[in-house]
N, C-alpha and C. Protein backbone atom coordinates (compact mmCIF):
# COMPACT_ATOMS: atom_id res chain seq x y z
N UNK A 1 -34.06 74.85 -60.22
CA UNK A 1 -35.40 74.86 -59.70
C UNK A 1 -36.32 75.47 -60.76
N UNK A 2 -37.44 74.85 -60.99
CA UNK A 2 -38.37 75.35 -62.01
C UNK A 2 -39.23 76.48 -61.45
N UNK A 3 -39.81 77.25 -62.36
CA UNK A 3 -40.70 78.34 -61.95
C UNK A 3 -41.90 77.75 -61.21
N UNK A 4 -42.39 76.60 -61.65
CA UNK A 4 -43.52 75.96 -60.98
C UNK A 4 -43.19 75.64 -59.53
N UNK A 5 -42.01 75.09 -59.27
CA UNK A 5 -41.65 74.76 -57.89
C UNK A 5 -41.39 76.02 -57.07
N UNK A 6 -40.84 77.05 -57.68
CA UNK A 6 -40.65 78.32 -56.98
C UNK A 6 -42.00 78.90 -56.60
N UNK A 7 -42.94 78.92 -57.54
CA UNK A 7 -44.27 79.45 -57.25
C UNK A 7 -44.97 78.65 -56.16
N UNK A 8 -44.84 77.33 -56.20
CA UNK A 8 -45.46 76.49 -55.17
C UNK A 8 -44.88 76.80 -53.80
N UNK A 9 -43.57 76.96 -53.73
CA UNK A 9 -42.90 77.27 -52.47
C UNK A 9 -43.35 78.64 -51.94
N UNK A 10 -43.41 79.63 -52.81
CA UNK A 10 -43.80 80.97 -52.39
C UNK A 10 -45.28 81.05 -52.02
N UNK A 11 -46.11 80.26 -52.68
CA UNK A 11 -47.55 80.29 -52.42
C UNK A 11 -47.89 79.85 -51.00
N UNK A 12 -47.05 79.02 -50.40
CA UNK A 12 -47.31 78.57 -49.03
C UNK A 12 -46.50 79.38 -48.01
N UNK A 13 -45.88 80.46 -48.46
CA UNK A 13 -45.18 81.35 -47.54
C UNK A 13 -43.76 80.96 -47.21
N UNK A 14 -43.17 80.04 -47.96
CA UNK A 14 -41.78 79.63 -47.71
C UNK A 14 -40.86 80.76 -48.14
N UNK A 15 -40.17 81.36 -47.19
CA UNK A 15 -39.29 82.48 -47.50
C UNK A 15 -37.82 82.11 -47.39
N UNK A 16 -37.51 80.85 -47.41
CA UNK A 16 -36.14 80.33 -47.36
C UNK A 16 -35.45 80.63 -46.03
N UNK A 17 -36.21 80.88 -44.98
CA UNK A 17 -35.60 81.22 -43.70
C UNK A 17 -34.75 80.07 -43.15
N UNK A 18 -35.02 78.85 -43.55
CA UNK A 18 -34.19 77.72 -43.09
C UNK A 18 -32.74 77.87 -43.55
N UNK A 19 -32.51 78.58 -44.65
CA UNK A 19 -31.16 78.78 -45.15
C UNK A 19 -30.43 79.92 -44.46
N UNK A 20 -31.12 80.73 -43.68
CA UNK A 20 -30.50 81.88 -43.03
C UNK A 20 -29.27 81.50 -42.21
N UNK A 21 -29.27 80.32 -41.64
CA UNK A 21 -28.16 79.89 -40.78
C UNK A 21 -26.83 79.82 -41.54
N UNK A 22 -26.87 79.78 -42.86
CA UNK A 22 -25.65 79.68 -43.65
C UNK A 22 -25.11 81.03 -44.11
N UNK A 23 -25.91 82.07 -44.04
CA UNK A 23 -25.50 83.35 -44.60
C UNK A 23 -24.44 84.09 -43.79
N UNK A 24 -24.18 83.65 -42.56
CA UNK A 24 -23.12 84.28 -41.77
C UNK A 24 -21.79 84.23 -42.51
N UNK A 25 -21.60 83.18 -43.31
CA UNK A 25 -20.31 83.00 -43.99
C UNK A 25 -20.04 84.10 -45.03
N UNK A 26 -21.08 84.67 -45.57
CA UNK A 26 -20.89 85.70 -46.59
C UNK A 26 -21.37 87.08 -46.14
N UNK A 27 -21.76 87.19 -44.88
CA UNK A 27 -22.33 88.44 -44.39
C UNK A 27 -21.45 89.67 -44.62
N UNK A 28 -20.14 89.62 -44.34
CA UNK A 28 -19.33 90.82 -44.57
C UNK A 28 -19.30 91.25 -46.05
N UNK A 29 -19.19 90.32 -46.96
CA UNK A 29 -19.18 90.65 -48.39
C UNK A 29 -20.55 91.10 -48.85
N UNK A 30 -21.60 90.48 -48.32
CA UNK A 30 -22.96 90.88 -48.68
C UNK A 30 -23.23 92.31 -48.25
N UNK A 31 -22.79 92.68 -47.05
CA UNK A 31 -22.99 94.06 -46.58
C UNK A 31 -22.19 95.04 -47.42
N UNK A 32 -20.98 94.68 -47.80
CA UNK A 32 -20.18 95.55 -48.67
C UNK A 32 -20.87 95.73 -50.02
N UNK A 33 -21.41 94.64 -50.55
CA UNK A 33 -22.15 94.72 -51.82
C UNK A 33 -23.37 95.63 -51.67
N UNK A 34 -24.12 95.46 -50.58
CA UNK A 34 -25.32 96.27 -50.37
C UNK A 34 -24.98 97.75 -50.21
N UNK A 35 -23.89 98.06 -49.53
CA UNK A 35 -23.46 99.47 -49.42
C UNK A 35 -23.16 100.05 -50.80
N UNK A 36 -22.45 99.28 -51.61
CA UNK A 36 -22.12 99.75 -52.96
C UNK A 36 -23.39 99.89 -53.80
N UNK A 37 -24.30 98.94 -53.69
CA UNK A 37 -25.55 99.01 -54.45
C UNK A 37 -26.33 100.26 -54.07
N UNK A 38 -26.41 100.56 -52.78
CA UNK A 38 -27.11 101.77 -52.36
C UNK A 38 -26.42 103.03 -52.88
N UNK A 39 -25.11 103.05 -52.84
CA UNK A 39 -24.36 104.22 -53.32
C UNK A 39 -24.60 104.43 -54.82
N UNK A 40 -24.49 103.37 -55.61
CA UNK A 40 -24.68 103.49 -57.05
C UNK A 40 -26.13 103.73 -57.44
N UNK A 41 -27.07 103.29 -56.60
CA UNK A 41 -28.49 103.45 -56.91
C UNK A 41 -28.98 104.89 -56.72
N UNK A 42 -28.26 105.67 -55.95
CA UNK A 42 -28.69 107.03 -55.64
C UNK A 42 -28.84 107.85 -56.92
N UNK A 43 -30.09 108.24 -57.20
CA UNK A 43 -30.40 109.04 -58.38
C UNK A 43 -30.36 108.30 -59.70
N UNK A 44 -30.20 106.98 -59.67
CA UNK A 44 -30.03 106.21 -60.90
C UNK A 44 -31.30 105.47 -61.30
N UNK A 45 -31.29 104.97 -62.52
CA UNK A 45 -32.31 104.04 -62.99
C UNK A 45 -31.75 102.64 -62.76
N UNK A 46 -32.47 101.85 -61.95
CA UNK A 46 -31.96 100.57 -61.47
C UNK A 46 -32.78 99.42 -62.03
N UNK A 47 -32.09 98.39 -62.48
CA UNK A 47 -32.73 97.13 -62.84
C UNK A 47 -32.38 96.14 -61.75
N UNK A 48 -33.37 95.67 -61.02
CA UNK A 48 -33.14 94.70 -59.94
C UNK A 48 -33.55 93.32 -60.41
N UNK A 49 -32.59 92.41 -60.49
CA UNK A 49 -32.83 91.03 -60.90
C UNK A 49 -33.21 90.20 -59.67
N UNK A 50 -34.22 89.35 -59.81
CA UNK A 50 -34.58 88.46 -58.70
C UNK A 50 -35.11 89.21 -57.50
N UNK A 51 -36.07 90.08 -57.70
CA UNK A 51 -36.55 90.94 -56.62
C UNK A 51 -37.37 90.21 -55.57
N UNK A 52 -37.84 89.00 -55.88
CA UNK A 52 -38.66 88.22 -54.93
C UNK A 52 -39.85 89.06 -54.47
N UNK A 53 -40.04 89.21 -53.15
CA UNK A 53 -41.18 90.00 -52.66
C UNK A 53 -40.89 91.49 -52.63
N UNK A 54 -39.73 91.90 -53.09
CA UNK A 54 -39.31 93.30 -53.23
C UNK A 54 -39.08 94.01 -51.91
N UNK A 55 -38.83 93.28 -50.85
CA UNK A 55 -38.54 93.93 -49.57
C UNK A 55 -37.28 94.78 -49.66
N UNK A 56 -36.24 94.28 -50.33
CA UNK A 56 -35.00 95.05 -50.50
C UNK A 56 -35.28 96.28 -51.36
N UNK A 57 -36.06 96.08 -52.42
CA UNK A 57 -36.42 97.19 -53.30
C UNK A 57 -37.06 98.30 -52.49
N UNK A 58 -38.07 97.95 -51.72
CA UNK A 58 -38.85 98.92 -50.96
C UNK A 58 -38.02 99.59 -49.88
N UNK A 59 -37.25 98.82 -49.14
CA UNK A 59 -36.56 99.35 -47.96
C UNK A 59 -35.23 100.04 -48.28
N UNK A 60 -34.48 99.51 -49.25
CA UNK A 60 -33.13 100.01 -49.45
C UNK A 60 -32.92 100.79 -50.75
N UNK A 61 -33.53 100.36 -51.82
CA UNK A 61 -33.23 100.95 -53.12
C UNK A 61 -34.22 102.05 -53.51
N UNK A 62 -35.50 101.83 -53.30
CA UNK A 62 -36.52 102.81 -53.73
C UNK A 62 -36.31 104.21 -53.15
N UNK A 63 -35.94 104.35 -51.89
CA UNK A 63 -35.75 105.71 -51.36
C UNK A 63 -34.60 106.47 -52.05
N UNK A 64 -33.72 105.76 -52.72
CA UNK A 64 -32.54 106.38 -53.32
C UNK A 64 -32.61 106.55 -54.83
N UNK A 65 -33.22 105.59 -55.50
CA UNK A 65 -33.19 105.54 -56.96
C UNK A 65 -34.21 106.48 -57.59
N UNK A 66 -33.88 106.90 -58.81
CA UNK A 66 -34.84 107.68 -59.59
C UNK A 66 -35.97 106.77 -60.04
N UNK A 67 -35.62 105.57 -60.53
CA UNK A 67 -36.61 104.61 -61.01
C UNK A 67 -36.04 103.21 -60.85
N UNK A 68 -36.92 102.25 -60.56
CA UNK A 68 -36.52 100.85 -60.43
C UNK A 68 -37.43 99.99 -61.29
N UNK A 69 -36.82 99.13 -62.07
CA UNK A 69 -37.53 98.06 -62.76
C UNK A 69 -37.10 96.79 -62.03
N UNK A 70 -38.01 96.20 -61.28
CA UNK A 70 -37.70 95.01 -60.48
C UNK A 70 -38.32 93.80 -61.17
N UNK A 71 -37.50 92.78 -61.43
CA UNK A 71 -37.98 91.61 -62.16
C UNK A 71 -37.72 90.33 -61.37
N UNK A 72 -38.59 89.35 -61.61
CA UNK A 72 -38.42 88.02 -61.04
C UNK A 72 -39.12 87.05 -61.98
N UNK A 73 -38.66 85.80 -62.00
CA UNK A 73 -39.29 84.81 -62.88
C UNK A 73 -40.59 84.27 -62.29
N UNK A 74 -40.85 84.54 -61.03
CA UNK A 74 -42.03 84.03 -60.36
C UNK A 74 -43.17 85.04 -60.37
N UNK A 75 -44.30 84.64 -60.95
CA UNK A 75 -45.46 85.52 -60.93
C UNK A 75 -46.03 85.66 -59.51
N UNK A 76 -45.88 84.64 -58.68
CA UNK A 76 -46.31 84.74 -57.29
C UNK A 76 -45.49 85.81 -56.56
N UNK A 77 -44.18 85.80 -56.77
CA UNK A 77 -43.32 86.81 -56.14
C UNK A 77 -43.68 88.21 -56.62
N UNK A 78 -43.89 88.38 -57.91
CA UNK A 78 -44.23 89.70 -58.45
C UNK A 78 -45.59 90.17 -57.94
N UNK A 79 -46.57 89.28 -57.87
CA UNK A 79 -47.88 89.67 -57.34
C UNK A 79 -47.77 90.09 -55.88
N UNK A 80 -46.94 89.39 -55.10
CA UNK A 80 -46.71 89.78 -53.70
C UNK A 80 -46.02 91.14 -53.64
N UNK A 81 -45.01 91.32 -54.48
CA UNK A 81 -44.29 92.60 -54.51
C UNK A 81 -45.23 93.75 -54.83
N UNK A 82 -46.08 93.57 -55.82
CA UNK A 82 -47.03 94.63 -56.19
C UNK A 82 -48.01 94.93 -55.07
N UNK A 83 -48.46 93.89 -54.38
CA UNK A 83 -49.44 94.07 -53.31
C UNK A 83 -48.83 94.69 -52.05
N UNK A 84 -47.58 94.35 -51.75
CA UNK A 84 -46.97 94.75 -50.48
C UNK A 84 -46.11 96.01 -50.54
N UNK A 85 -45.81 96.49 -51.72
CA UNK A 85 -44.88 97.61 -51.85
C UNK A 85 -45.50 98.74 -52.64
N UNK A 86 -45.35 99.94 -52.13
CA UNK A 86 -46.02 101.07 -52.75
C UNK A 86 -45.08 102.16 -53.25
N UNK A 87 -43.81 101.84 -53.40
CA UNK A 87 -42.87 102.87 -53.87
C UNK A 87 -43.31 103.32 -55.27
N UNK A 88 -43.57 104.61 -55.44
CA UNK A 88 -44.06 105.09 -56.73
C UNK A 88 -43.03 104.99 -57.86
N UNK A 89 -41.78 104.86 -57.52
CA UNK A 89 -40.74 104.79 -58.55
C UNK A 89 -40.32 103.35 -58.87
N UNK A 90 -41.04 102.36 -58.31
CA UNK A 90 -40.71 100.95 -58.55
C UNK A 90 -41.80 100.29 -59.40
N UNK A 91 -41.35 99.55 -60.40
CA UNK A 91 -42.26 98.83 -61.30
C UNK A 91 -41.84 97.37 -61.30
N UNK A 92 -42.81 96.47 -61.18
CA UNK A 92 -42.53 95.04 -61.03
C UNK A 92 -43.02 94.27 -62.25
N UNK A 93 -42.16 93.37 -62.74
CA UNK A 93 -42.51 92.60 -63.93
C UNK A 93 -42.05 91.16 -63.78
N UNK A 94 -42.86 90.24 -64.31
CA UNK A 94 -42.44 88.84 -64.41
C UNK A 94 -41.54 88.76 -65.64
N UNK A 95 -40.26 88.43 -65.38
CA UNK A 95 -39.29 88.40 -66.47
C UNK A 95 -38.03 87.72 -65.95
N UNK A 96 -37.38 86.99 -66.82
CA UNK A 96 -36.10 86.37 -66.49
C UNK A 96 -34.96 87.25 -66.97
N UNK A 97 -33.78 86.98 -66.46
CA UNK A 97 -32.62 87.78 -66.84
C UNK A 97 -32.09 87.43 -68.22
N UNK A 98 -32.54 86.32 -68.77
CA UNK A 98 -32.06 85.94 -70.10
C UNK A 98 -32.96 86.47 -71.22
N UNK A 99 -34.09 87.07 -70.85
CA UNK A 99 -35.00 87.59 -71.87
C UNK A 99 -35.50 88.99 -71.49
N UNK A 100 -34.58 89.89 -71.23
CA UNK A 100 -34.95 91.24 -70.84
C UNK A 100 -35.66 91.95 -71.98
N UNK A 101 -36.79 92.54 -71.65
CA UNK A 101 -37.61 93.19 -72.67
C UNK A 101 -37.85 94.65 -72.30
N UNK A 102 -36.81 95.46 -72.39
CA UNK A 102 -36.92 96.87 -72.06
C UNK A 102 -36.58 97.76 -73.25
N UNK A 103 -36.59 97.20 -74.44
CA UNK A 103 -36.26 97.99 -75.62
C UNK A 103 -34.86 98.57 -75.52
N UNK A 104 -34.73 99.83 -75.83
CA UNK A 104 -33.42 100.48 -75.81
C UNK A 104 -33.08 101.11 -74.47
N UNK A 105 -33.84 100.80 -73.44
CA UNK A 105 -33.63 101.40 -72.12
C UNK A 105 -32.25 101.05 -71.58
N UNK A 106 -31.58 102.03 -71.01
CA UNK A 106 -30.28 101.83 -70.39
C UNK A 106 -30.43 102.03 -68.89
N UNK A 107 -29.82 101.15 -68.13
CA UNK A 107 -29.87 101.25 -66.68
C UNK A 107 -28.50 101.63 -66.15
N UNK A 108 -28.47 102.55 -65.21
CA UNK A 108 -27.21 102.94 -64.61
C UNK A 108 -26.70 101.89 -63.64
N UNK A 109 -27.62 101.13 -63.04
CA UNK A 109 -27.25 100.13 -62.04
C UNK A 109 -28.06 98.87 -62.29
N UNK A 110 -27.38 97.73 -62.21
CA UNK A 110 -28.06 96.43 -62.21
C UNK A 110 -27.78 95.81 -60.86
N UNK A 111 -28.84 95.50 -60.14
CA UNK A 111 -28.72 95.01 -58.77
C UNK A 111 -29.33 93.62 -58.69
N UNK A 112 -28.56 92.68 -58.15
CA UNK A 112 -29.07 91.33 -57.92
C UNK A 112 -29.45 91.23 -56.48
N UNK A 113 -30.70 90.90 -56.23
CA UNK A 113 -31.19 90.77 -54.87
C UNK A 113 -30.43 89.65 -54.16
N UNK A 114 -30.06 89.90 -52.93
CA UNK A 114 -29.32 88.93 -52.14
C UNK A 114 -30.18 88.54 -50.95
N UNK A 115 -30.34 87.25 -50.65
CA UNK A 115 -31.24 86.82 -49.58
C UNK A 115 -30.95 87.40 -48.21
N UNK A 116 -29.72 87.72 -47.92
CA UNK A 116 -29.42 88.25 -46.59
C UNK A 116 -29.43 89.77 -46.54
N UNK A 117 -29.95 90.39 -47.59
CA UNK A 117 -29.97 91.85 -47.66
C UNK A 117 -30.92 92.43 -46.63
């Protein structure tokens, strides 16, 4: 899917809820992953890939982490994340995972956002 099509989908409020009916199949593993992510994020510097609107960042990771760099390839998603989330330790950037631009920064945790989180 191209960034243009992702932006178009997000601009009209499509949150992929039609796919929710399929996530039951991975729910136990997704919850185990989320528990581990929360445990490792506590007091850490976290890089969150694919943050989308940053609901997971705001609700689950920000209260625990020292700092979060949340990235997504969609500028629409990042603009929504910035507007809707006020965690002072979270920073949102338009960036893909193949072109990380953080200089020599080291992250203790890398978290991939999961739709059923």
